[in-house]
Amino acid sequence: LTVLVDGKKIAMEVVIFPTVETVHSVLQRTSDGSHAHPKLVLVRWQAKRSEPKLASVEVSFPPNVGPVLVTYLQPRSQLVKPGSQASFHQWGPPKAAGQ
C-alpha cells in the first residue's frame, strides 16, 4: 500500500485486518446469481498524521492484491460549547451567490 498526499508519501497504520477465518468465510459465501459482486474483505488503514488543507490523495496497491474498493474518509471535528451546535457543510467548491 502506498498513500500519497499532495504528492508526498505518508505513513499509514493498520486499524482493522481480517483473520484467516474471516477471509475463508467470505470466500465460501455464494451469490444468489442476481448480481455479480466481488467478494470483499474489510481492511482499514489510517494516516499517522493529518494534513491541513490537503488537495489530493492517491492510493496504490500491488497487482497481486486483486480488485480493491477504496473509500476515503476525512473526519472533521469541532469543539462545541454548552448550548451551541456543530455545523458541517458539504464538501466541494463554494457556491456562487444566489445559488
N, C-alpha and C. Protein backbone atom coordinates (compact mmCIF):
# COMPACT_ATOMS: atom_id res chain seq x y z
N LEU A 1 0.84 -1.19 0.00
CA LEU A 1 0.00 0.00 0.00
C LEU A 1 0.88 1.24 0.00
N THR A 2 0.62 2.13 -0.93
CA THR A 2 1.32 3.41 -0.97
C THR A 2 0.27 4.50 -0.97
N VAL A 3 0.42 5.47 -0.08
CA VAL A 3 -0.51 6.59 0.00
C VAL A 3 0.29 7.88 -0.17
N LEU A 4 -0.13 8.67 -1.14
CA LEU A 4 0.49 9.97 -1.39
C LEU A 4 -0.53 11.06 -1.08
N VAL A 5 -0.12 12.03 -0.29
CA VAL A 5 -0.95 13.20 0.00
C VAL A 5 -0.23 14.39 -0.61
N ASP A 6 -0.89 15.01 -1.56
CA ASP A 6 -0.29 16.12 -2.31
C ASP A 6 1.09 15.74 -2.85
N GLY A 7 1.20 14.47 -3.34
CA GLY A 7 2.42 14.00 -3.96
C GLY A 7 3.49 13.50 -3.01
N LYS A 8 3.26 13.55 -1.69
CA LYS A 8 4.25 13.11 -0.71
C LYS A 8 3.75 11.85 -0.01
N LYS A 9 4.64 10.84 0.08
CA LYS A 9 4.27 9.58 0.74
C LYS A 9 4.08 9.83 2.23
N ILE A 10 2.98 9.26 2.79
CA ILE A 10 2.75 9.39 4.22
C ILE A 10 2.67 8.01 4.86
N ALA A 11 2.98 7.95 6.14
CA ALA A 11 2.94 6.70 6.89
C ALA A 11 1.49 6.37 7.25
N MET A 12 1.16 5.07 7.13
CA MET A 12 -0.17 4.60 7.46
C MET A 12 -0.06 3.54 8.55
N GLU A 13 -1.15 3.34 9.31
CA GLU A 13 -1.19 2.26 10.29
C GLU A 13 -2.45 1.45 10.08
N VAL A 14 -2.34 0.13 10.27
CA VAL A 14 -3.48 -0.77 10.10
C VAL A 14 -4.38 -0.64 11.32
N VAL A 15 -5.68 -0.43 11.09
CA VAL A 15 -6.66 -0.32 12.16
C VAL A 15 -7.47 -1.61 12.25
N ILE A 16 -7.86 -2.16 11.09
CA ILE A 16 -8.64 -3.40 11.03
C ILE A 16 -8.00 -4.30 9.98
N PHE A 17 -7.75 -5.55 10.34
CA PHE A 17 -7.21 -6.52 9.40
C PHE A 17 -7.92 -7.84 9.65
N PRO A 18 -8.40 -8.52 8.59
CA PRO A 18 -9.20 -9.73 8.78
C PRO A 18 -8.38 -10.92 9.26
N THR A 19 -9.05 -11.79 9.99
CA THR A 19 -8.43 -13.06 10.38
C THR A 19 -8.52 -14.03 9.20
N VAL A 20 -7.77 -15.11 9.26
CA VAL A 20 -7.84 -16.15 8.24
C VAL A 20 -9.26 -16.71 8.17
N GLU A 21 -9.89 -16.88 9.32
CA GLU A 21 -11.26 -17.41 9.37
C GLU A 21 -12.24 -16.48 8.65
N THR A 22 -12.07 -15.17 8.82
CA THR A 22 -12.94 -14.21 8.14
C THR A 22 -12.78 -14.30 6.63
N VAL A 23 -11.55 -14.37 6.16
CA VAL A 23 -11.30 -14.48 4.71
C VAL A 23 -11.92 -15.76 4.16
N HIS A 24 -11.73 -16.88 4.84
CA HIS A 24 -12.32 -18.15 4.39
C HIS A 24 -13.84 -18.06 4.35
N SER A 25 -14.45 -17.42 5.37
CA SER A 25 -15.90 -17.27 5.41
C SER A 25 -16.41 -16.47 4.21
N VAL A 26 -15.73 -15.38 3.88
CA VAL A 26 -16.14 -14.54 2.75
C VAL A 26 -16.00 -15.31 1.44
N LEU A 27 -14.92 -16.05 1.28
CA LEU A 27 -14.70 -16.78 0.04
C LEU A 27 -15.69 -17.93 -0.14
N GLN A 28 -16.25 -18.45 0.95
CA GLN A 28 -17.19 -19.56 0.86
C GLN A 28 -18.64 -19.13 0.64
N ARG A 29 -18.92 -17.83 0.77
CA ARG A 29 -20.29 -17.35 0.55
C ARG A 29 -20.66 -17.51 -0.91
N THR A 30 -21.92 -17.87 -1.14
CA THR A 30 -22.39 -17.99 -2.52
C THR A 30 -23.34 -16.85 -2.83
N SER A 31 -23.38 -16.45 -4.07
CA SER A 31 -24.27 -15.40 -4.53
C SER A 31 -25.59 -16.00 -4.97
N ASP A 32 -26.65 -15.21 -4.92
CA ASP A 32 -27.96 -15.69 -5.38
C ASP A 32 -28.05 -15.66 -6.90
N GLY A 33 -26.99 -15.18 -7.57
CA GLY A 33 -26.96 -15.16 -9.03
C GLY A 33 -27.54 -13.91 -9.65
N SER A 34 -28.20 -13.06 -8.85
CA SER A 34 -28.82 -11.87 -9.43
C SER A 34 -27.82 -10.74 -9.66
N HIS A 35 -26.75 -10.73 -8.94
CA HIS A 35 -25.72 -9.70 -9.11
C HIS A 35 -24.35 -10.35 -9.05
N ALA A 36 -23.43 -9.80 -9.81
CA ALA A 36 -22.06 -10.32 -9.80
C ALA A 36 -21.17 -9.36 -9.02
N HIS A 37 -21.28 -9.40 -7.70
CA HIS A 37 -20.46 -8.53 -6.85
C HIS A 37 -19.19 -9.25 -6.44
N PRO A 38 -18.07 -8.53 -6.40
CA PRO A 38 -16.85 -9.18 -5.90
C PRO A 38 -17.00 -9.45 -4.41
N LYS A 39 -16.29 -10.44 -3.93
CA LYS A 39 -16.30 -10.74 -2.50
C LYS A 39 -15.27 -9.84 -1.85
N LEU A 40 -15.72 -9.03 -0.89
CA LEU A 40 -14.85 -8.03 -0.27
C LEU A 40 -14.53 -8.39 1.17
N VAL A 41 -13.30 -8.11 1.57
CA VAL A 41 -12.85 -8.28 2.94
C VAL A 41 -12.41 -6.90 3.43
N LEU A 42 -12.87 -6.50 4.61
CA LEU A 42 -12.56 -5.17 5.13
C LEU A 42 -11.15 -5.13 5.71
N VAL A 43 -10.36 -4.18 5.21
CA VAL A 43 -9.05 -3.84 5.78
C VAL A 43 -9.07 -2.32 5.91
N ARG A 44 -8.71 -1.82 7.08
CA ARG A 44 -8.78 -0.37 7.29
C ARG A 44 -7.43 0.16 7.76
N TRP A 45 -6.97 1.22 7.07
CA TRP A 45 -5.75 1.94 7.45
C TRP A 45 -6.14 3.37 7.78
N GLN A 46 -5.30 4.00 8.58
CA GLN A 46 -5.48 5.43 8.79
C GLN A 46 -4.11 6.10 8.79
N ALA A 47 -4.12 7.37 8.42
CA ALA A 47 -2.86 8.13 8.40
C ALA A 47 -2.38 8.33 9.82
N LYS A 48 -1.06 8.28 10.00
CA LYS A 48 -0.49 8.51 11.32
C LYS A 48 -0.51 9.99 11.70
N ARG A 49 -0.72 10.84 10.71
CA ARG A 49 -0.83 12.28 10.98
C ARG A 49 -1.78 12.88 9.96
N SER A 50 -2.33 14.02 10.27
CA SER A 50 -3.26 14.66 9.35
C SER A 50 -2.54 15.75 8.57
N GLU A 51 -3.12 16.09 7.44
CA GLU A 51 -2.56 17.12 6.58
C GLU A 51 -3.58 18.25 6.46
N PRO A 52 -3.25 19.43 6.95
CA PRO A 52 -4.20 20.55 6.80
C PRO A 52 -4.29 20.98 5.34
N LYS A 53 -5.50 21.25 4.91
CA LYS A 53 -5.75 21.78 3.56
C LYS A 53 -5.18 20.89 2.46
N LEU A 54 -5.35 19.59 2.56
CA LEU A 54 -4.83 18.72 1.51
C LEU A 54 -5.63 18.89 0.23
N ALA A 55 -4.94 18.73 -0.90
CA ALA A 55 -5.57 18.91 -2.21
C ALA A 55 -5.82 17.59 -2.91
N SER A 56 -4.96 16.57 -2.68
CA SER A 56 -5.15 15.30 -3.37
C SER A 56 -4.65 14.14 -2.52
N VAL A 57 -5.30 12.99 -2.71
CA VAL A 57 -4.91 11.75 -2.05
C VAL A 57 -4.85 10.67 -3.12
N GLU A 58 -3.74 9.94 -3.22
CA GLU A 58 -3.58 8.85 -4.18
C GLU A 58 -3.21 7.59 -3.41
N VAL A 59 -3.89 6.48 -3.72
CA VAL A 59 -3.65 5.21 -3.05
C VAL A 59 -3.30 4.18 -4.12
N SER A 60 -2.19 3.46 -3.93
CA SER A 60 -1.75 2.43 -4.88
C SER A 60 -1.59 1.10 -4.16
N PHE A 61 -1.96 0.02 -4.85
CA PHE A 61 -1.86 -1.33 -4.32
C PHE A 61 -1.05 -2.18 -5.28
N PRO A 62 -0.36 -3.20 -4.77
CA PRO A 62 0.36 -4.10 -5.68
C PRO A 62 -0.63 -4.91 -6.52
N PRO A 63 -0.24 -5.35 -7.72
CA PRO A 63 -1.17 -6.06 -8.61
C PRO A 63 -1.66 -7.40 -8.07
N ASN A 64 -0.92 -8.05 -7.19
CA ASN A 64 -1.35 -9.35 -6.68
C ASN A 64 -2.47 -9.27 -5.65
N VAL A 65 -2.88 -8.06 -5.27
CA VAL A 65 -3.98 -7.89 -4.32
C VAL A 65 -5.33 -8.15 -4.99
N GLY A 66 -5.45 -7.87 -6.27
CA GLY A 66 -6.71 -8.01 -6.98
C GLY A 66 -7.51 -6.72 -6.90
N PRO A 67 -8.80 -6.76 -7.29
CA PRO A 67 -9.61 -5.54 -7.26
C PRO A 67 -9.76 -5.03 -5.82
N VAL A 68 -9.72 -3.71 -5.68
CA VAL A 68 -9.81 -3.07 -4.36
C VAL A 68 -10.84 -1.95 -4.44
N LEU A 69 -11.77 -1.94 -3.49
CA LEU A 69 -12.71 -0.83 -3.34
C LEU A 69 -12.12 0.11 -2.30
N VAL A 70 -11.82 1.34 -2.69
CA VAL A 70 -11.19 2.31 -1.80
C VAL A 70 -12.22 3.35 -1.39
N THR A 71 -12.33 3.57 -0.10
CA THR A 71 -13.20 4.63 0.43
C THR A 71 -12.33 5.57 1.24
N TYR A 72 -12.42 6.85 0.96
CA TYR A 72 -11.62 7.86 1.64
C TYR A 72 -12.52 8.62 2.60
N LEU A 73 -12.16 8.64 3.87
CA LEU A 73 -12.91 9.38 4.88
C LEU A 73 -12.00 10.40 5.53
N GLN A 74 -12.48 11.60 5.64
CA GLN A 74 -11.70 12.63 6.32
C GLN A 74 -12.54 13.15 7.48
N PRO A 75 -12.24 12.67 8.69
CA PRO A 75 -13.02 13.15 9.83
C PRO A 75 -12.86 14.65 10.01
N ARG A 76 -13.93 15.26 10.41
CA ARG A 76 -13.90 16.69 10.72
C ARG A 76 -14.47 16.86 12.12
N SER A 77 -13.83 17.67 12.90
CA SER A 77 -14.24 17.84 14.30
C SER A 77 -14.40 19.31 14.63
N GLN A 78 -15.27 19.58 15.60
CA GLN A 78 -15.44 20.93 16.13
C GLN A 78 -15.64 20.82 17.63
N LEU A 79 -15.07 21.76 18.37
CA LEU A 79 -15.30 21.86 19.80
C LEU A 79 -16.57 22.70 19.98
N VAL A 80 -17.55 22.15 20.69
CA VAL A 80 -18.84 22.83 20.84
C VAL A 80 -19.03 23.20 22.31
N LYS A 81 -19.31 24.47 22.55
CA LYS A 81 -19.58 24.94 23.91
C LYS A 81 -21.00 24.57 24.28
N PRO A 82 -21.30 24.42 25.58
CA PRO A 82 -22.66 24.09 26.01
C PRO A 82 -23.67 25.09 25.42
N GLY A 83 -24.75 24.58 24.88
CA GLY A 83 -25.79 25.41 24.29
C GLY A 83 -25.53 25.79 22.85
N SER A 84 -24.38 25.40 22.30
CA SER A 84 -24.04 25.71 20.90
C SER A 84 -24.29 24.48 20.04
N GLN A 85 -24.06 24.60 18.74
CA GLN A 85 -24.20 23.46 17.85
C GLN A 85 -23.01 23.37 16.93
N ALA A 86 -22.70 22.16 16.49
CA ALA A 86 -21.65 21.93 15.50
C ALA A 86 -22.31 21.96 14.12
N SER A 87 -21.66 22.54 13.16
CA SER A 87 -22.22 22.65 11.82
C SER A 87 -21.16 22.21 10.81
N PHE A 88 -21.51 21.22 9.99
CA PHE A 88 -20.62 20.71 8.95
C PHE A 88 -21.29 20.91 7.61
N HIS A 89 -20.60 21.55 6.69
CA HIS A 89 -21.16 21.83 5.37
C HIS A 89 -20.61 20.85 4.35
N GLN A 90 -21.35 20.65 3.29
CA GLN A 90 -20.97 19.73 2.22
C GLN A 90 -19.64 20.14 1.62
N TRP A 91 -18.81 19.11 1.31
CA TRP A 91 -17.53 19.38 0.67
C TRP A 91 -17.78 19.85 -0.75
N GLY A 92 -16.80 20.46 -1.31
CA GLY A 92 -16.88 20.91 -2.70
C GLY A 92 -16.62 22.39 -2.77
N PRO A 93 -16.56 22.91 -3.98
CA PRO A 93 -16.28 24.34 -4.14
C PRO A 93 -17.45 25.15 -3.60
N PRO A 94 -17.18 26.33 -3.07
CA PRO A 94 -18.26 27.20 -2.58
C PRO A 94 -19.20 27.57 -3.72
N LYS A 95 -20.48 27.66 -3.40
CA LYS A 95 -21.46 28.05 -4.41
C LYS A 95 -21.41 29.56 -4.61
N ALA A 96 -21.67 29.97 -5.84
CA ALA A 96 -21.72 31.41 -6.15
C ALA A 96 -22.95 31.99 -5.49
N ALA A 97 -22.92 33.28 -5.21
CA ALA A 97 -24.06 33.97 -4.59
C ALA A 97 -25.30 33.76 -5.45
N GLY A 98 -26.43 33.49 -4.79
CA GLY A 98 -27.69 33.31 -5.48
C GLY A 98 -27.98 31.88 -5.88
N GLN A 99 -27.09 30.94 -5.62
CA GLN A 99 -27.34 29.53 -5.99
C GLN A 99 -27.90 28.77 -4.83
